[in-house]
Structure formats: structure tokens, C-alpha cells
N, C-alpha and C. Protein backbone atom coordinates (compact mmCIF):
# COMPACT_ATOMS: atom_id res chain seq x y z
N MET A 1 -4.80 -14.51 11.30
CA MET A 1 -5.26 -13.39 10.50
C MET A 1 -4.59 -13.47 9.13
N PRO A 2 -5.38 -13.41 8.07
CA PRO A 2 -4.80 -13.47 6.72
C PRO A 2 -3.91 -12.27 6.43
N SER A 3 -2.89 -12.49 5.60
CA SER A 3 -2.04 -11.39 5.18
C SER A 3 -1.47 -11.69 3.81
N SER A 4 -1.02 -10.62 3.15
CA SER A 4 -0.39 -10.72 1.84
C SER A 4 0.82 -9.82 1.83
N PHE A 5 1.79 -10.17 1.01
CA PHE A 5 3.03 -9.40 0.88
C PHE A 5 3.12 -8.81 -0.51
N PHE A 6 3.72 -7.62 -0.60
CA PHE A 6 3.92 -6.98 -1.90
C PHE A 6 5.08 -6.01 -1.83
N ASN A 7 5.64 -5.72 -2.98
CA ASN A 7 6.70 -4.72 -3.12
C ASN A 7 6.08 -3.49 -3.77
N LEU A 8 6.55 -2.31 -3.35
CA LEU A 8 5.97 -1.08 -3.85
C LEU A 8 7.05 -0.06 -4.13
N SER A 9 6.89 0.65 -5.23
CA SER A 9 7.80 1.74 -5.58
C SER A 9 6.97 2.84 -6.23
N ILE A 10 6.65 3.86 -5.44
CA ILE A 10 5.86 5.01 -5.91
C ILE A 10 6.71 6.26 -5.71
N SER A 11 6.90 7.02 -6.77
CA SER A 11 7.69 8.26 -6.67
C SER A 11 6.93 9.28 -5.83
N ALA A 12 7.67 10.24 -5.28
CA ALA A 12 7.05 11.30 -4.49
C ALA A 12 6.05 12.08 -5.35
N GLN A 13 6.40 12.33 -6.59
CA GLN A 13 5.52 13.07 -7.49
C GLN A 13 4.22 12.30 -7.74
N GLU A 14 4.33 11.00 -7.93
CA GLU A 14 3.15 10.17 -8.15
C GLU A 14 2.27 10.13 -6.90
N TYR A 15 2.90 10.09 -5.72
CA TYR A 15 2.12 10.04 -4.48
C TYR A 15 1.38 11.35 -4.22
N LEU A 16 1.84 12.44 -4.80
CA LEU A 16 1.14 13.72 -4.65
C LEU A 16 -0.30 13.65 -5.13
N ARG A 17 -0.60 12.74 -6.03
CA ARG A 17 -1.98 12.56 -6.50
C ARG A 17 -2.92 12.23 -5.34
N VAL A 18 -2.40 11.57 -4.31
CA VAL A 18 -3.21 11.26 -3.14
C VAL A 18 -3.61 12.55 -2.43
N TYR A 19 -2.63 13.44 -2.24
CA TYR A 19 -2.90 14.70 -1.56
C TYR A 19 -3.82 15.60 -2.37
N ARG A 20 -3.74 15.52 -3.67
CA ARG A 20 -4.60 16.32 -4.54
C ARG A 20 -6.00 15.74 -4.65
N GLY A 21 -6.18 14.53 -4.19
CA GLY A 21 -7.50 13.90 -4.20
C GLY A 21 -7.83 13.10 -5.45
N SER A 22 -6.88 12.99 -6.37
CA SER A 22 -7.18 12.25 -7.60
C SER A 22 -6.86 10.76 -7.49
N ALA A 23 -6.19 10.36 -6.43
CA ALA A 23 -5.90 8.94 -6.20
C ALA A 23 -6.30 8.59 -4.77
N ARG A 24 -7.17 7.63 -4.63
CA ARG A 24 -7.63 7.25 -3.29
C ARG A 24 -7.41 5.78 -2.99
N LEU A 25 -7.13 5.01 -4.02
CA LEU A 25 -6.99 3.58 -3.85
C LEU A 25 -5.68 3.11 -4.47
N VAL A 26 -4.98 2.24 -3.76
CA VAL A 26 -3.76 1.62 -4.26
C VAL A 26 -4.11 0.20 -4.68
N VAL A 27 -3.71 -0.16 -5.88
CA VAL A 27 -3.91 -1.53 -6.37
C VAL A 27 -2.53 -2.08 -6.71
N VAL A 28 -2.17 -3.19 -6.08
CA VAL A 28 -0.84 -3.79 -6.28
C VAL A 28 -1.00 -5.29 -6.53
N ARG A 29 0.06 -5.89 -7.03
CA ARG A 29 0.11 -7.34 -7.24
C ARG A 29 0.91 -7.93 -6.08
N GLY A 30 0.31 -8.84 -5.35
CA GLY A 30 1.00 -9.51 -4.26
C GLY A 30 2.10 -10.41 -4.78
N THR A 31 3.03 -10.79 -3.92
CA THR A 31 4.12 -11.66 -4.34
C THR A 31 3.61 -13.03 -4.75
N ASP A 32 2.40 -13.38 -4.34
CA ASP A 32 1.80 -14.66 -4.75
C ASP A 32 0.97 -14.52 -6.03
N GLY A 33 0.95 -13.32 -6.62
CA GLY A 33 0.22 -13.08 -7.85
C GLY A 33 -1.18 -12.55 -7.66
N SER A 34 -1.63 -12.45 -6.42
CA SER A 34 -2.99 -11.95 -6.17
C SER A 34 -3.05 -10.44 -6.34
N SER A 35 -4.22 -9.94 -6.63
CA SER A 35 -4.45 -8.50 -6.76
C SER A 35 -4.94 -7.98 -5.41
N LEU A 36 -4.30 -6.92 -4.92
CA LEU A 36 -4.64 -6.35 -3.63
C LEU A 36 -5.01 -4.88 -3.81
N SER A 37 -5.96 -4.40 -3.05
CA SER A 37 -6.28 -2.98 -3.08
C SER A 37 -6.59 -2.50 -1.67
N PHE A 38 -6.22 -1.25 -1.40
CA PHE A 38 -6.47 -0.66 -0.09
C PHE A 38 -6.42 0.86 -0.23
N PRO A 39 -7.01 1.60 0.71
CA PRO A 39 -7.00 3.06 0.64
C PRO A 39 -5.58 3.62 0.70
N ALA A 40 -5.27 4.55 -0.18
CA ALA A 40 -3.93 5.13 -0.27
C ALA A 40 -3.52 5.85 1.00
N GLU A 41 -4.47 6.31 1.79
CA GLU A 41 -4.16 7.03 3.02
C GLU A 41 -3.31 6.20 3.98
N HIS A 42 -3.39 4.87 3.87
CA HIS A 42 -2.61 4.00 4.76
C HIS A 42 -1.11 4.03 4.46
N LEU A 43 -0.73 4.63 3.35
CA LEU A 43 0.70 4.75 3.01
C LEU A 43 1.34 6.01 3.57
N ARG A 44 0.57 6.94 4.08
CA ARG A 44 1.09 8.25 4.51
C ARG A 44 2.28 8.15 5.44
N ARG A 45 2.24 7.25 6.38
CA ARG A 45 3.34 7.17 7.36
C ARG A 45 4.63 6.61 6.76
N PHE A 46 4.56 6.10 5.53
CA PHE A 46 5.74 5.54 4.87
C PHE A 46 6.33 6.45 3.80
N VAL A 47 5.74 7.62 3.60
CA VAL A 47 6.19 8.54 2.55
C VAL A 47 7.47 9.24 2.98
N SER A 48 8.46 9.24 2.07
CA SER A 48 9.72 9.97 2.29
C SER A 48 9.90 10.93 1.13
N HIS A 49 11.04 11.61 1.08
CA HIS A 49 11.33 12.51 -0.05
C HIS A 49 11.37 11.76 -1.38
N ASP A 50 11.66 10.48 -1.32
CA ASP A 50 11.73 9.65 -2.53
C ASP A 50 10.40 9.00 -2.89
N GLY A 51 9.37 9.20 -2.08
CA GLY A 51 8.07 8.57 -2.30
C GLY A 51 7.88 7.42 -1.34
N VAL A 52 7.36 6.32 -1.83
CA VAL A 52 7.12 5.13 -1.01
C VAL A 52 7.77 3.94 -1.69
N GLN A 53 8.74 3.35 -1.03
CA GLN A 53 9.42 2.17 -1.56
C GLN A 53 9.57 1.13 -0.47
N GLY A 54 9.52 -0.14 -0.85
CA GLY A 54 9.80 -1.19 0.11
C GLY A 54 8.93 -2.41 -0.08
N ARG A 55 9.12 -3.32 0.85
CA ARG A 55 8.33 -4.57 0.90
C ARG A 55 7.36 -4.40 2.07
N PHE A 56 6.10 -4.75 1.85
CA PHE A 56 5.05 -4.52 2.83
C PHE A 56 4.25 -5.78 3.10
N GLU A 57 3.63 -5.80 4.28
CA GLU A 57 2.68 -6.85 4.62
C GLU A 57 1.33 -6.18 4.89
N LEU A 58 0.32 -6.62 4.17
CA LEU A 58 -1.04 -6.13 4.33
C LEU A 58 -1.84 -7.20 5.08
N LYS A 59 -2.40 -6.82 6.23
CA LYS A 59 -3.22 -7.76 7.01
C LYS A 59 -4.68 -7.36 6.85
N TYR A 60 -5.52 -8.38 6.76
CA TYR A 60 -6.95 -8.14 6.59
C TYR A 60 -7.72 -9.21 7.36
N ASP A 61 -9.00 -8.94 7.59
CA ASP A 61 -9.81 -9.89 8.35
C ASP A 61 -10.47 -10.92 7.42
N ALA A 62 -11.28 -11.77 8.00
CA ALA A 62 -11.93 -12.85 7.24
C ALA A 62 -12.87 -12.32 6.16
N SER A 63 -13.30 -11.07 6.29
CA SER A 63 -14.18 -10.44 5.30
C SER A 63 -13.39 -9.61 4.29
N ASN A 64 -12.06 -9.78 4.29
CA ASN A 64 -11.14 -9.05 3.41
C ASN A 64 -11.13 -7.55 3.67
N LYS A 65 -11.45 -7.13 4.88
CA LYS A 65 -11.40 -5.72 5.27
C LYS A 65 -10.02 -5.40 5.83
N PHE A 66 -9.49 -4.24 5.49
CA PHE A 66 -8.18 -3.79 5.94
C PHE A 66 -8.06 -3.84 7.45
N VAL A 67 -6.93 -4.37 7.92
CA VAL A 67 -6.62 -4.39 9.35
C VAL A 67 -5.37 -3.57 9.61
N SER A 68 -4.26 -3.85 8.89
CA SER A 68 -3.03 -3.10 9.10
C SER A 68 -2.10 -3.23 7.92
N LEU A 69 -1.14 -2.31 7.87
CA LEU A 69 -0.11 -2.32 6.84
C LEU A 69 1.22 -2.07 7.52
N GLU A 70 2.18 -2.93 7.30
CA GLU A 70 3.51 -2.79 7.90
C GLU A 70 4.59 -2.85 6.83
N LYS A 71 5.59 -2.00 6.98
CA LYS A 71 6.74 -2.02 6.08
C LYS A 71 7.75 -3.00 6.64
N LEU A 72 8.19 -3.94 5.82
CA LEU A 72 9.14 -4.96 6.25
C LEU A 72 10.57 -4.61 5.91
N SER A 73 10.77 -3.91 4.80
CA SER A 73 12.14 -3.49 4.42
C SER A 73 12.07 -2.33 3.47
């Protein structure tokens, strides 16, 4: 299964845009330089008082459809 890695640092205030409905898609640069995008709702389980920070692995299928997102550190 294909996967990509990326680092993310979103403040709690910035992530509030998701709850307000003005942000629905996250676009990040993978560690290999590729551009990745996925629905912001998949970050909900990683939100803390500081927002969302860490290194993540995004898994997708052969059609580039979202499969899973895991926090690595």
C-alpha cells in the first residue's frame, strides 16, 4: 500500500477553522517533496491544546484515495 510521510505544525487557533467550516482540506509537502492533500477531519483525533504537531504517515490506495493517517512522533 502506498504511503507518504510529512511533518505538520498547526496551531490550535488555526485548526479552529476546521470546526467553523472554513477549512476542509489539508495540503502539505511530503518529506520527499510531493504535494499531499486530505480532508482535515482526519486530523481530529490528533488535536491537543497546542493544535496538531508531529510527523505523520498518510496511506492511500492505488487510486490515491485516503486509507489512513497515523502519527509517528
